[in-house]
Amino acid sequence: MRRDAKAMAEGVKEGMSRDKKTININKASREDLLTLPDISEHEADRIIAERPYDNTEDLVRRHVVPREEYDKISDRIIAGH
């Protein structure tokens, strides 16, 4: 029974990650940026103010968001032009 519960939890987690929308940090609205995990209103405003970005790592290099927060959102963002 324990194995079944673990498998079900993994399935739910996998399904939720597939539903994640990719956000373009160069074009996203403030509201879209706020849907990212742990992104505050202040950070969303800074992301917008520091545009454009050549790549998503610029968020960390330019000290817009800390590495720990970047790691939580890196699979959900792109830096397209």
C-alpha atoms as a PDB file:
ATOM      1  CA  MET A   1       0.000   0.000   0.000  1.00  0.00           C
ATOM      2  CA  ARG A   2       2.847   2.381   0.815  1.00  0.00           C
ATOM      3  CA  ARG A   3       4.371   1.803  -2.612  1.00  0.00           C
ATOM      4  CA  ASP A   4       1.036   2.627  -4.292  1.00  0.00           C
ATOM      5  CA  ALA A   5       0.713   5.882  -2.353  1.00  0.00           C
ATOM      6  CA  LYS A   6       4.249   6.888  -3.300  1.00  0.00           C
ATOM      7  CA  ALA A   7       3.615   6.084  -6.969  1.00  0.00           C
ATOM      8  CA  MET A   8       0.404   8.096  -6.908  1.00  0.00           C
ATOM      9  CA  ALA A   9       2.162  11.082  -5.315  1.00  0.00           C
ATOM     10  CA  GLU A  10       4.900  10.931  -7.955  1.00  0.00           C
ATOM     11  CA  GLY A  11       2.248  10.824 -10.688  1.00  0.00           C
ATOM     12  CA  VAL A  12       0.498  13.879  -9.307  1.00  0.00           C
ATOM     13  CA  LYS A  13       3.806  15.729  -9.019  1.00  0.00           C
ATOM     14  CA  GLU A  14       4.735  14.832 -12.607  1.00  0.00           C
ATOM     15  CA  GLY A  15       1.323  15.896 -13.888  1.00  0.00           C
ATOM     16  CA  MET A  16       1.566  19.243 -12.127  1.00  0.00           C
ATOM     17  CA  SER A  17       4.998  19.928 -13.609  1.00  0.00           C
ATOM     18  CA  ARG A  18       3.659  19.272 -17.109  1.00  0.00           C
ATOM     19  CA  ASP A  19       0.935  21.874 -16.578  1.00  0.00           C
ATOM     20  CA  LYS A  20       3.484  24.587 -15.839  1.00  0.00           C
ATOM     21  CA  LYS A  21       3.442  27.417 -18.306  1.00  0.00           C
ATOM     22  CA  THR A  22       6.765  28.708 -19.622  1.00  0.00           C
ATOM     23  CA  ILE A  23       7.133  32.438 -19.100  1.00  0.00           C
ATOM     24  CA  ASN A  24       9.269  34.714 -21.257  1.00  0.00           C
ATOM     25  CA  ILE A  25      10.996  37.055 -18.795  1.00  0.00           C
ATOM     26  CA  ASN A  26      11.531  39.630 -21.548  1.00  0.00           C
ATOM     27  CA  LYS A  27       7.826  39.939 -22.376  1.00  0.00           C
ATOM     28  CA  ALA A  28       5.803  38.661 -19.418  1.00  0.00           C
ATOM     29  CA  SER A  29       3.409  40.921 -17.568  1.00  0.00           C
ATOM     30  CA  ARG A  30       3.844  41.595 -13.876  1.00  0.00           C
ATOM     31  CA  GLU A  31       0.877  39.313 -13.208  1.00  0.00           C
ATOM     32  CA  ASP A  32       2.477  36.465 -15.171  1.00  0.00           C
ATOM     33  CA  LEU A  33       5.759  36.877 -13.287  1.00  0.00           C
ATOM     34  CA  LEU A  34       3.883  36.729  -9.980  1.00  0.00           C
ATOM     35  CA  THR A  35       2.657  33.223 -10.873  1.00  0.00           C
ATOM     36  CA  LEU A  36       6.234  31.952 -10.541  1.00  0.00           C
ATOM     37  CA  PRO A  37       7.057  30.252  -7.218  1.00  0.00           C
ATOM     38  CA  ASP A  38       8.365  32.634  -4.531  1.00  0.00           C
ATOM     39  CA  ILE A  39       8.557  35.689  -6.809  1.00  0.00           C
ATOM     40  CA  SER A  40       7.480  38.759  -4.860  1.00  0.00           C
ATOM     41  CA  GLU A  41       5.934  41.916  -6.271  1.00  0.00           C
ATOM     42  CA  HIS A  42       9.266  43.689  -5.764  1.00  0.00           C
ATOM     43  CA  GLU A  43      11.137  40.986  -7.696  1.00  0.00           C
ATOM     44  CA  ALA A  44       8.566  41.001 -10.505  1.00  0.00           C
ATOM     45  CA  ASP A  45       9.029  44.769 -10.806  1.00  0.00           C
ATOM     46  CA  ARG A  46      12.829  44.375 -10.855  1.00  0.00           C
ATOM     47  CA  ILE A  47      12.636  41.683 -13.551  1.00  0.00           C
ATOM     48  CA  ILE A  48      10.638  44.087 -15.701  1.00  0.00           C
ATOM     49  CA  ALA A  49      12.911  47.072 -14.937  1.00  0.00           C
ATOM     50  CA  GLU A  50      16.107  45.202 -15.862  1.00  0.00           C
ATOM     51  CA  ARG A  51      14.929  44.006 -19.288  1.00  0.00           C
ATOM     52  CA  PRO A  52      16.107  42.834 -21.764  1.00  0.00           C
ATOM     53  CA  TYR A  53      17.868  39.630 -20.778  1.00  0.00           C
ATOM     54  CA  ASP A  54      20.121  37.618 -23.071  1.00  0.00           C
ATOM     55  CA  ASN A  55      19.397  34.453 -21.095  1.00  0.00           C
ATOM     56  CA  THR A  56      17.669  33.446 -17.890  1.00  0.00           C
ATOM     57  CA  GLU A  57      20.941  33.265 -15.911  1.00  0.00           C
ATOM     58  CA  ASP A  58      21.074  37.073 -16.232  1.00  0.00           C
ATOM     59  CA  LEU A  59      18.542  37.192 -13.397  1.00  0.00           C
ATOM     60  CA  VAL A  60      21.224  35.894 -11.022  1.00  0.00           C
ATOM     61  CA  ARG A  61      24.200  37.645 -12.638  1.00  0.00           C
ATOM     62  CA  ARG A  62      22.482  41.014 -12.361  1.00  0.00           C
ATOM     63  CA  HIS A  63      21.317  40.283  -8.800  1.00  0.00           C
ATOM     64  CA  VAL A  64      17.641  40.551  -9.748  1.00  0.00           C
ATOM     65  CA  VAL A  65      16.767  37.324  -7.912  1.00  0.00           C
ATOM     66  CA  PRO A  66      18.903  35.182  -5.585  1.00  0.00           C
ATOM     67  CA  ARG A  67      20.257  31.849  -6.853  1.00  0.00           C
ATOM     68  CA  GLU A  68      17.908  29.894  -4.544  1.00  0.00           C
ATOM     69  CA  GLU A  69      14.837  31.511  -6.105  1.00  0.00           C
ATOM     70  CA  TYR A  70      16.241  31.197  -9.611  1.00  0.00           C
ATOM     71  CA  ASP A  71      16.691  27.462  -9.078  1.00  0.00           C
ATOM     72  CA  LYS A  72      12.967  27.189  -8.238  1.00  0.00           C
ATOM     73  CA  ILE A  73      11.836  28.955 -11.429  1.00  0.00           C
ATOM     74  CA  SER A  74      14.559  28.108 -13.971  1.00  0.00           C
ATOM     75  CA  ASP A  75      12.529  25.295 -15.560  1.00  0.00           C
ATOM     76  CA  ARG A  76       9.577  27.658 -16.081  1.00  0.00           C
ATOM     77  CA  ILE A  77      11.264  30.652 -17.710  1.00  0.00           C
ATOM     78  CA  ILE A  78      12.880  31.561 -21.021  1.00  0.00           C
ATOM     79  CA  ALA A  79      14.530  34.764 -22.238  1.00  0.00           C
ATOM     80  CA  GLY A  80      13.275  35.016 -25.816  1.00  0.00           C
ATOM     81  CA  HIS A  81      13.300  38.306 -27.686  1.00  0.00           C
END
